[in-house]
């Protein structure tokens, strides 16, 4: 089980980084896309970060249990 959770950690990190990258690109580019999507991208990034942190905490908990 901890092996599967360990596989999810880089996926979560990459997803968070990708969302952050799109948000930064949107901010730099400006225009209609930024006006329409900047808040959605911010919320999505925060959710991705929270899920990734929860997965890391689950991995650490499983590691401490010896699973």
C-alpha atoms as a PDB file:
ATOM      1  CA  UNK A   1       0.000   0.000   0.000  1.00  0.00           C
ATOM      2  CA  UNK A   2       2.763   2.463   0.867  1.00  0.00           C
ATOM      3  CA  UNK A   3       4.349   1.792  -2.535  1.00  0.00           C
ATOM      4  CA  UNK A   4       1.167   2.932  -4.272  1.00  0.00           C
ATOM      5  CA  UNK A   5       0.962   6.014  -2.056  1.00  0.00           C
ATOM      6  CA  UNK A   6       4.629   6.730  -2.764  1.00  0.00           C
ATOM      7  CA  UNK A   7       3.793   6.689  -6.481  1.00  0.00           C
ATOM      8  CA  UNK A   8       0.998   9.228  -5.935  1.00  0.00           C
ATOM      9  CA  UNK A   9       3.323  11.798  -4.321  1.00  0.00           C
ATOM     10  CA  UNK A  10       5.254  12.747  -7.506  1.00  0.00           C
ATOM     11  CA  UNK A  11       1.996  12.769  -9.468  1.00  0.00           C
ATOM     12  CA  UNK A  12       0.517  15.243  -6.987  1.00  0.00           C
ATOM     13  CA  UNK A  13       3.653  17.364  -7.051  1.00  0.00           C
ATOM     14  CA  UNK A  14       3.681  17.464 -10.846  1.00  0.00           C
ATOM     15  CA  UNK A  15      -0.022  18.327 -10.975  1.00  0.00           C
ATOM     16  CA  UNK A  16       0.479  21.167  -8.506  1.00  0.00           C
ATOM     17  CA  UNK A  17       3.492  22.471 -10.424  1.00  0.00           C
ATOM     18  CA  UNK A  18       1.613  22.274 -13.732  1.00  0.00           C
ATOM     19  CA  UNK A  19      -1.361  24.201 -12.355  1.00  0.00           C
ATOM     20  CA  UNK A  20       1.008  26.775 -10.862  1.00  0.00           C
ATOM     21  CA  UNK A  21       2.808  27.097 -14.197  1.00  0.00           C
ATOM     22  CA  UNK A  22      -0.437  27.671 -16.094  1.00  0.00           C
ATOM     23  CA  UNK A  23      -1.476  30.237 -13.477  1.00  0.00           C
ATOM     24  CA  UNK A  24       1.793  32.135 -13.744  1.00  0.00           C
ATOM     25  CA  UNK A  25       1.634  32.044 -17.548  1.00  0.00           C
ATOM     26  CA  UNK A  26      -1.942  33.335 -17.375  1.00  0.00           C
ATOM     27  CA  UNK A  27      -0.895  36.130 -15.038  1.00  0.00           C
ATOM     28  CA  UNK A  28       2.009  37.197 -17.253  1.00  0.00           C
ATOM     29  CA  UNK A  29      -0.025  36.984 -20.442  1.00  0.00           C
ATOM     30  CA  UNK A  30      -3.016  38.860 -19.024  1.00  0.00           C
ATOM     31  CA  UNK A  31      -6.071  39.496 -21.148  1.00  0.00           C
ATOM     32  CA  UNK A  32      -9.400  37.724 -21.149  1.00  0.00           C
ATOM     33  CA  UNK A  33      -7.999  34.314 -20.231  1.00  0.00           C
ATOM     34  CA  UNK A  34      -6.451  35.680 -17.038  1.00  0.00           C
ATOM     35  CA  UNK A  35      -9.635  37.520 -16.097  1.00  0.00           C
ATOM     36  CA  UNK A  36     -11.755  34.419 -16.558  1.00  0.00           C
ATOM     37  CA  UNK A  37      -9.488  31.752 -15.089  1.00  0.00           C
ATOM     38  CA  UNK A  38      -7.097  33.255 -12.520  1.00  0.00           C
ATOM     39  CA  UNK A  39      -9.301  32.597  -9.473  1.00  0.00           C
ATOM     40  CA  UNK A  40     -10.237  29.117 -10.687  1.00  0.00           C
ATOM     41  CA  UNK A  41      -6.576  28.245 -11.198  1.00  0.00           C
ATOM     42  CA  UNK A  42      -5.690  29.557  -7.725  1.00  0.00           C
ATOM     43  CA  UNK A  43      -8.402  27.434  -6.100  1.00  0.00           C
ATOM     44  CA  UNK A  44      -7.404  24.397  -8.124  1.00  0.00           C
ATOM     45  CA  UNK A  45      -3.751  24.814  -7.124  1.00  0.00           C
ATOM     46  CA  UNK A  46      -4.645  25.109  -3.451  1.00  0.00           C
ATOM     47  CA  UNK A  47      -6.776  21.959  -3.710  1.00  0.00           C
ATOM     48  CA  UNK A  48      -3.969  20.082  -5.471  1.00  0.00           C
ATOM     49  CA  UNK A  49      -1.517  21.189  -2.773  1.00  0.00           C
ATOM     50  CA  UNK A  50      -3.861  20.079   0.000  1.00  0.00           C
ATOM     51  CA  UNK A  51      -4.397  16.675  -1.589  1.00  0.00           C
ATOM     52  CA  UNK A  52      -0.650  16.234  -2.119  1.00  0.00           C
ATOM     53  CA  UNK A  53       0.085  17.146   1.496  1.00  0.00           C
ATOM     54  CA  UNK A  54      -2.597  14.691   2.652  1.00  0.00           C
ATOM     55  CA  UNK A  55      -0.996  11.953   0.524  1.00  0.00           C
ATOM     56  CA  UNK A  56       2.427  12.745   2.011  1.00  0.00           C
ATOM     57  CA  UNK A  57       0.977  12.584   5.520  1.00  0.00           C
ATOM     58  CA  UNK A  58      -0.716   9.255   4.683  1.00  0.00           C
ATOM     59  CA  UNK A  59       2.596   7.910   3.388  1.00  0.00           C
ATOM     60  CA  UNK A  60       4.404   8.981   6.544  1.00  0.00           C
ATOM     61  CA  UNK A  61       1.690   7.420   8.703  1.00  0.00           C
ATOM     62  CA  UNK A  62       1.861   4.145   6.753  1.00  0.00           C
ATOM     63  CA  UNK A  63       5.652   4.222   7.011  1.00  0.00           C
ATOM     64  CA  UNK A  64       5.487   4.617  10.780  1.00  0.00           C
ATOM     65  CA  UNK A  65       3.064   1.659  10.997  1.00  0.00           C
ATOM     66  CA  UNK A  66       5.481  -0.506   9.033  1.00  0.00           C
ATOM     67  CA  UNK A  67       3.078  -1.293   6.181  1.00  0.00           C
END
